[in-house]
Protein backbone atom coordinates (compact mmCIF):
# COMPACT_ATOMS: atom_id res chain seq x y z
CA MET A 1 83.12 91.76 95.99
CA GLN A 2 83.07 94.12 92.99
CA ILE A 3 86.43 95.90 92.70
CA ALA A 4 87.14 98.46 89.97
CA ILE A 5 90.80 99.09 89.17
CA THR A 6 91.29 102.55 87.66
CA GLY A 7 94.67 103.62 86.33
CA SER A 8 97.21 103.26 83.57
CA ILE A 9 97.09 100.67 80.81
CA ALA A 10 100.34 100.64 78.84
CA THR A 11 102.90 98.74 76.83
CA ASP A 12 106.26 98.26 78.56
CA HIS A 13 109.57 98.53 76.69
CA LEU A 14 112.11 96.98 79.07
CA MET A 15 115.90 97.04 78.66
CA THR A 16 118.82 95.89 80.84
CA PHE A 17 122.16 97.65 81.28
CA ASP A 18 125.07 95.44 82.36
CA GLY A 19 126.60 98.09 84.58
CA LEU A 20 125.67 100.58 87.26
CA PHE A 21 124.01 103.93 86.56
CA ALA A 22 125.80 105.33 89.61
CA ASP A 23 129.18 104.85 87.91
CA SER A 24 128.18 107.36 85.23
CA LEU A 25 126.75 110.06 87.49
CA VAL A 26 128.93 113.05 88.36
CA VAL A 27 127.29 114.76 91.33
CA GLU A 28 128.79 118.17 90.52
CA GLN A 29 127.45 118.02 86.95
CA LEU A 30 123.88 116.77 87.47
CA ASP A 31 122.50 120.09 86.19
CA LYS A 32 124.18 119.30 82.84
CA ILE A 33 123.45 115.59 82.74
CA SER A 34 123.58 113.98 79.28
CA LEU A 35 123.87 110.21 79.30
CA SER A 36 123.06 107.16 77.23
CA PHE A 37 123.45 103.50 78.17
CA LEU A 38 124.17 100.60 75.82
CA THR A 39 121.66 97.88 76.60
CA GLU A 40 121.84 94.22 75.76
CA ASP A 41 118.22 93.40 75.08
CA LEU A 42 114.73 94.78 74.57
CA GLN A 43 111.56 93.16 75.87
CA VAL A 44 108.20 94.57 74.75
CA ARG A 45 105.58 93.55 77.28
CA ARG A 46 102.05 94.30 78.40
CA GLY A 47 101.89 96.68 81.35
CA GLY A 48 100.32 99.69 83.04
CA VAL A 49 99.64 99.73 86.77
CA ALA A 50 95.88 99.12 86.60
CA ALA A 51 96.22 96.37 84.01
CA ASN A 52 98.98 94.67 86.01
CA ILE A 53 96.90 94.71 89.19
CA ALA A 54 93.82 93.42 87.37
CA PHE A 55 95.83 90.64 85.69
CA GLY A 56 97.27 89.51 89.02
CA MET A 57 93.87 89.47 90.71
CA ALA A 58 92.35 87.50 87.86
CA ASN A 59 95.15 84.93 88.09
CA LEU A 60 94.18 84.39 91.72
CA GLY A 61 90.56 83.79 90.74
CA GLN A 62 89.02 87.25 91.02
CA ARG A 63 87.02 89.06 88.32
CA PRO A 64 88.38 92.63 88.55
CA ILE A 65 86.87 95.48 86.52
CA LEU A 66 89.55 97.38 84.60
CA VAL A 67 88.81 101.09 84.06
CA GLY A 68 91.14 103.20 81.93
CA SER A 69 91.76 104.73 78.52
CA VAL A 70 93.56 103.11 75.57
CA GLY A 71 94.16 103.54 71.83
CA GLU A 72 92.92 101.50 68.90
CA ASP A 73 96.16 99.47 69.17
CA PHE A 74 94.81 97.77 72.31
CA THR A 75 93.00 94.89 70.54
CA ASP A 76 95.51 92.08 71.17
CA TYR A 77 96.20 93.26 74.70
CA ARG A 78 92.48 93.32 75.51
CA SER A 79 92.10 89.77 74.23
CA TRP A 80 94.93 88.65 76.52
CA LEU A 81 93.38 90.27 79.59
CA GLU A 82 89.89 88.95 78.89
CA ARG A 83 91.28 85.46 78.33
CA HIS A 84 92.77 85.65 81.82
CA GLY A 85 89.51 86.79 83.42
CA VAL A 86 89.70 90.60 83.50
CA ASP A 87 86.47 92.54 82.85
CA CYS A 88 87.43 95.04 80.10
CA GLN A 89 83.95 96.35 79.25
CA SER A 90 84.48 99.70 80.98
CA ILE A 91 87.62 100.70 79.07
CA HIS A 92 87.51 103.95 77.08
CA TYR A 93 88.97 104.04 73.54
CA SER A 94 90.70 107.15 72.20
CA GLU A 95 90.07 108.02 68.57
CA SER A 96 93.35 109.92 68.14
CA GLN A 97 96.05 108.65 70.54
CA HIS A 98 98.08 105.49 71.07
CA THR A 99 97.96 103.41 74.21
CA ALA A 100 100.46 104.68 76.80
CA ARG A 101 104.10 103.55 76.67
CA PHE A 102 106.52 102.84 79.54
CA VAL A 103 110.22 102.75 78.55
CA CYS A 104 112.53 101.51 81.31
CA THR A 105 116.19 100.56 81.64
CA THR A 106 117.35 98.49 84.63
CA ASP A 107 120.98 98.27 85.70
CA ARG A 108 122.86 95.41 87.36
CA ASP A 109 121.90 96.64 90.82
CA MET A 110 118.17 96.76 89.90
CA ALA A 111 118.19 100.58 89.78
CA GLN A 112 115.90 101.94 87.06
CA ILE A 113 115.62 104.94 84.76
CA ALA A 114 112.26 105.25 83.02
CA THR A 115 110.13 107.47 80.81
CA PHE A 116 106.35 107.29 80.48
CA TYR A 117 104.36 108.49 77.46
CA ALA A 118 100.77 109.14 78.55
CA GLY A 119 99.06 109.06 75.14
CA ALA A 120 95.45 107.85 75.38
CA MET A 121 95.71 107.79 79.17
CA THR A 122 95.02 111.54 79.21
CA GLU A 123 91.44 110.81 78.18
CA ALA A 124 90.81 108.81 81.36
CA ARG A 125 89.65 112.12 82.86
CA ASP A 126 86.48 111.71 80.77
CA ILE A 127 85.50 108.45 82.47
CA GLU A 128 82.59 108.49 84.91
CA LEU A 129 82.38 105.71 87.49
CA ALA A 130 78.60 105.73 87.90
CA PRO A 131 77.93 103.87 84.60
CA VAL A 132 80.52 101.28 85.62
CA ALA A 133 78.77 100.73 88.94
CA GLN A 134 75.38 100.53 87.21
CA ARG A 135 76.63 97.95 84.70
CA VAL A 136 77.96 95.56 87.35
CA GLY A 137 75.29 96.13 89.99
CA GLY A 138 77.34 98.36 92.29
CA LEU A 139 80.98 98.79 93.32
CA ASP A 140 82.32 97.68 96.71
CA LEU A 141 85.76 99.23 96.25
CA VAL A 142 87.54 101.47 93.72
CA VAL A 143 91.31 101.50 93.37
CA VAL A 144 92.62 104.91 92.27
CA ALA A 145 95.99 103.89 90.86
CA PRO A 146 98.52 106.04 88.89
CA ASN A 147 96.73 107.57 85.93
CA ASP A 148 96.13 110.93 84.32
CA PRO A 149 96.28 113.21 87.42
CA VAL A 150 92.98 114.89 86.56
CA ALA A 151 91.36 111.46 86.21
CA MET A 152 92.71 110.42 89.61
CA LEU A 153 91.20 113.47 91.28
CA ARG A 154 87.91 112.96 89.46
CA HIS A 155 87.65 109.31 90.49
CA THR A 156 88.53 110.14 94.10
CA ASP A 157 85.96 112.95 94.29
CA GLU A 158 83.29 110.76 92.72
CA CYS A 159 83.96 107.97 95.22
CA ARG A 160 83.49 110.43 98.08
CA THR A 161 80.33 111.88 96.56
CA ARG A 162 78.77 108.47 95.89
CA GLY A 163 79.97 106.88 99.13
CA ILE A 164 82.11 104.24 97.42
CA PRO A 165 85.09 103.04 99.52
CA PHE A 166 88.36 103.69 97.69
CA VAL A 167 92.05 102.86 97.71
CA ALA A 168 94.50 105.73 97.23
CA ASP A 169 97.48 104.37 95.27
CA PRO A 170 99.19 107.50 93.84
CA SER A 171 102.61 105.90 93.36
CA GLN A 172 104.84 107.64 90.77
CA GLN A 173 102.30 110.42 90.17
CA LEU A 174 103.24 111.90 93.54
CA ALA A 175 106.30 113.40 91.85
CA PHE A 176 104.14 115.45 89.47
CA MET A 177 101.38 116.59 91.83
CA ASP A 178 101.34 119.46 94.32
CA GLY A 179 100.47 119.19 98.00
CA GLU A 180 96.85 120.21 97.63
CA SER A 181 96.19 117.59 94.91
CA ILE A 182 97.87 114.90 96.99
CA ARG A 183 95.75 115.82 100.01
CA ARG A 184 92.62 115.46 97.84
CA LEU A 185 93.76 112.04 96.66
CA ILE A 186 94.56 110.65 100.08
CA ASN A 187 92.26 112.29 102.61
CA GLY A 188 89.46 109.95 103.68
CA ALA A 189 90.66 106.91 101.72
CA ASP A 190 89.88 103.53 103.19
CA TYR A 191 93.35 102.32 102.16
CA LEU A 192 96.59 104.12 101.26
CA LEU A 193 99.21 102.09 99.37
CA THR A 194 102.74 103.49 98.97
CA ASN A 195 106.36 102.43 99.23
CA GLU A 196 108.67 104.05 101.78
CA TYR A 197 109.94 106.76 99.47
CA GLU A 198 106.44 107.67 98.31
CA ALA A 199 105.22 107.94 101.91
CA HIS A 200 108.03 110.39 102.71
CA LEU A 201 107.34 112.34 99.51
CA ALA A 202 103.63 112.58 100.35
CA CYS A 203 104.50 113.97 103.78
CA GLN A 204 106.97 116.45 102.32
CA LYS A 205 104.51 117.80 99.76
CA THR A 206 101.43 117.88 101.98
CA GLY A 207 103.13 119.14 105.11
CA TRP A 208 101.69 116.22 107.08
CA SER A 209 103.80 114.31 109.58
CA PRO A 210 104.01 110.50 109.15
CA GLU A 211 101.50 110.18 112.00
CA GLU A 212 99.12 112.66 110.36
CA LEU A 213 99.39 110.82 107.05
CA ALA A 214 98.43 107.55 108.74
CA GLU A 215 95.47 109.20 110.49
CA ARG A 216 94.03 110.47 107.19
CA VAL A 217 93.14 106.91 106.10
CA ARG A 218 91.69 103.82 107.75
CA VAL A 219 94.50 101.50 106.66
CA GLN A 220 98.01 102.50 105.59
CA VAL A 221 100.05 99.92 103.69
CA ARG A 222 103.72 100.77 103.15
CA THR A 223 105.93 98.40 101.17
CA ARG A 224 109.64 98.37 102.03
CA GLY A 225 111.21 96.35 99.23
CA LYS A 226 113.39 93.49 100.51
CA ASP A 227 112.44 94.50 104.08
CA GLY A 228 108.80 93.53 103.58
CA VAL A 229 105.67 95.56 104.30
CA THR A 230 104.09 97.42 107.21
CA VAL A 231 100.30 97.59 107.59
CA ARG A 232 98.81 100.13 110.00
CA VAL A 233 95.11 99.87 110.81
CA ARG A 234 93.91 102.96 112.65
CA GLY A 235 93.79 102.30 116.38
CA GLU A 236 95.68 98.99 116.19
CA ASP A 237 99.31 97.89 116.48
CA PRO A 238 101.31 97.83 113.21
CA ILE A 239 101.57 94.53 111.34
CA GLU A 240 105.01 93.62 109.95
CA VAL A 241 105.31 91.06 107.15
CA HIS A 242 108.69 90.03 105.73
CA ALA A 243 109.26 89.64 102.00
CA ALA A 244 108.87 86.19 100.50
CA ARG A 245 112.15 84.72 99.28
CA GLU A 246 112.69 84.81 95.53
CA VAL A 247 114.20 82.00 93.44
CA ARG A 248 115.95 84.59 91.27
CA ARG A 249 115.81 88.32 90.61
CA ALA A 250 114.99 89.05 86.96
CA ASP A 251 113.34 92.49 86.83
CA PRO A 252 111.67 94.63 89.54
CA THR A 253 109.22 96.31 87.15
CA GLY A 254 105.67 95.70 88.36
CA VAL A 255 106.59 94.13 91.70
CA GLY A 256 104.48 96.69 93.55
CA ASP A 257 101.56 95.98 91.23
CA GLY A 258 101.86 92.29 92.02
CA PHE A 259 101.73 93.06 95.73
CA ARG A 260 98.60 95.15 95.25
CA ALA A 261 96.92 92.38 93.27
CA GLY A 262 97.50 89.86 96.04
CA PHE A 263 96.58 92.29 98.81
CA LEU A 264 93.33 93.27 97.08
CA THR A 265 92.48 89.62 96.48
CA GLY A 266 92.83 89.09 100.22
CA LEU A 267 90.53 92.04 100.89
CA ALA A 268 87.95 90.67 98.45
CA ALA A 269 88.05 87.36 100.32
CA GLY A 270 87.64 89.03 103.71
CA LEU A 271 91.01 87.79 104.96
CA PRO A 272 92.81 89.41 107.92
CA MET A 273 95.27 92.19 107.06
CA ARG A 274 98.29 90.02 107.78
CA ARG A 275 97.10 87.38 105.34
CA CYS A 276 96.36 90.06 102.71
CA ALA A 277 99.93 91.32 103.03
CA GLU A 278 101.38 87.81 102.89
CA LEU A 279 99.36 86.99 99.78
CA GLY A 280 100.52 90.23 98.16
CA SER A 281 104.15 89.64 99.07
CA MET A 282 104.11 86.16 97.60
CA LEU A 283 102.65 87.30 94.29
CA ALA A 284 105.14 90.22 94.18
CA THR A 285 107.96 87.67 94.31
CA TYR A 286 106.60 85.92 91.22
CA VAL A 287 106.74 89.22 89.32
CA LEU A 288 110.33 89.86 90.48
CA GLU A 289 111.35 86.47 89.09
CA THR A 290 110.21 87.24 85.53
CA VAL A 291 110.94 89.86 82.88
CA GLY A 292 107.65 91.61 82.19
CA THR A 293 104.83 92.45 84.55
CA GLN A 294 102.37 89.81 83.31
CA GLU A 295 104.66 87.00 82.21
CA TYR A 296 104.69 84.88 85.34
CA ALA A 297 103.05 81.46 85.27
CA LEU A 298 100.91 80.97 88.37
CA ARG A 299 100.14 77.42 89.45
CA ILE A 300 98.08 77.52 92.64
CA PRO A 301 99.45 74.31 94.30
CA GLU A 302 103.03 75.52 93.85
CA PHE A 303 102.04 79.04 94.91
CA LEU A 304 100.55 77.73 98.16
CA GLU A 305 103.62 75.57 98.77
CA ARG A 306 105.89 78.59 98.51
CA LEU A 307 103.50 80.65 100.62
CA ALA A 308 103.65 78.00 103.35
CA ASP A 309 107.46 78.01 103.20
CA ALA A 310 107.49 81.80 103.58
CA TYR A 311 104.75 82.35 106.15
CA GLY A 312 103.87 78.99 107.63
CA ALA A 313 101.34 76.24 106.94
CA GLY A 314 98.63 78.15 108.83
CA ALA A 315 98.84 81.04 106.40
CA ALA A 316 98.58 78.76 103.36
CA GLU A 317 95.63 76.88 104.86
CA GLU A 318 93.74 80.08 105.60
CA ILE A 319 94.38 81.59 102.16
CA ALA A 320 93.91 78.44 100.05
CA PRO A 321 90.07 78.38 99.96
CA HIS A 322 90.00 81.93 98.60
CA ILE A 323 92.24 81.63 95.54
CA ASN A 324 92.02 79.46 92.45
CA ASP A 325 93.28 79.28 88.88
CA ARG A 326 89.96 79.04 87.09
CA TRP A 327 91.06 81.79 84.66
CA ALA A 328 94.38 80.18 83.76
């Protein structure tokens, strides 16, 4: 199954604050907010939603096609992704801008404050999907992940025009888009991936009820943090999957991307929705246990052991033939 992952490719600058942001917020003074937090460390890591998803899929044995825009400073990062099995031949290079930057501080309660510099990502709006499809012999699915908003709309419209099934994964870009743009992104998608807050925000901005939002797509996947994930297939009963237990909690950055990588790997393998969600939840836990979105070490035997502990031996047996570590 040929899956193209469109979206952000970035470098993450991750810091930790040994306190709580909430202790420094004065509700009556939020309109005059001016704060800084003394952090204890700085981790510079590879990131970006599309790159994180592609990396996770490749670690499970897939060959995802990464589609996005970067700067000339991307050389080492590209080498890393290709070494782990990601197809990077459809990436656009900017001649004037740096690769995007994500700067994030996480407090002791895993709350986060972040800033994102778009940089070369703004040129993703110039990318056409047809040449990508032609190069690889056709696309079975396109993931429209957080990206330059104009690029997201262009990719979505092109998928509709060319009849390519697509995944709407607007994530943090929902905050910057109006209702009409969000309706264009979501309406008619085969899959909609959001967390709980994003689902409510989409409803608020579009004017759709939760039921109407679910009816606009074939499959709605809503992650709920420590409470797991809900999958709604149109016309069927909801599927509830609990979160896999973590060994430790290091950093939540990229956990949602890890879930998407596992879920999409399940789709590529033709697994049932429940198994897709279980596979995604297990990989998300690996990301939570490490600092950095692509720093986890995936060993398939251990992964399947933990998956069996979380979801039962039957789940591990059904998933096992469809994942491997040939790119490790």
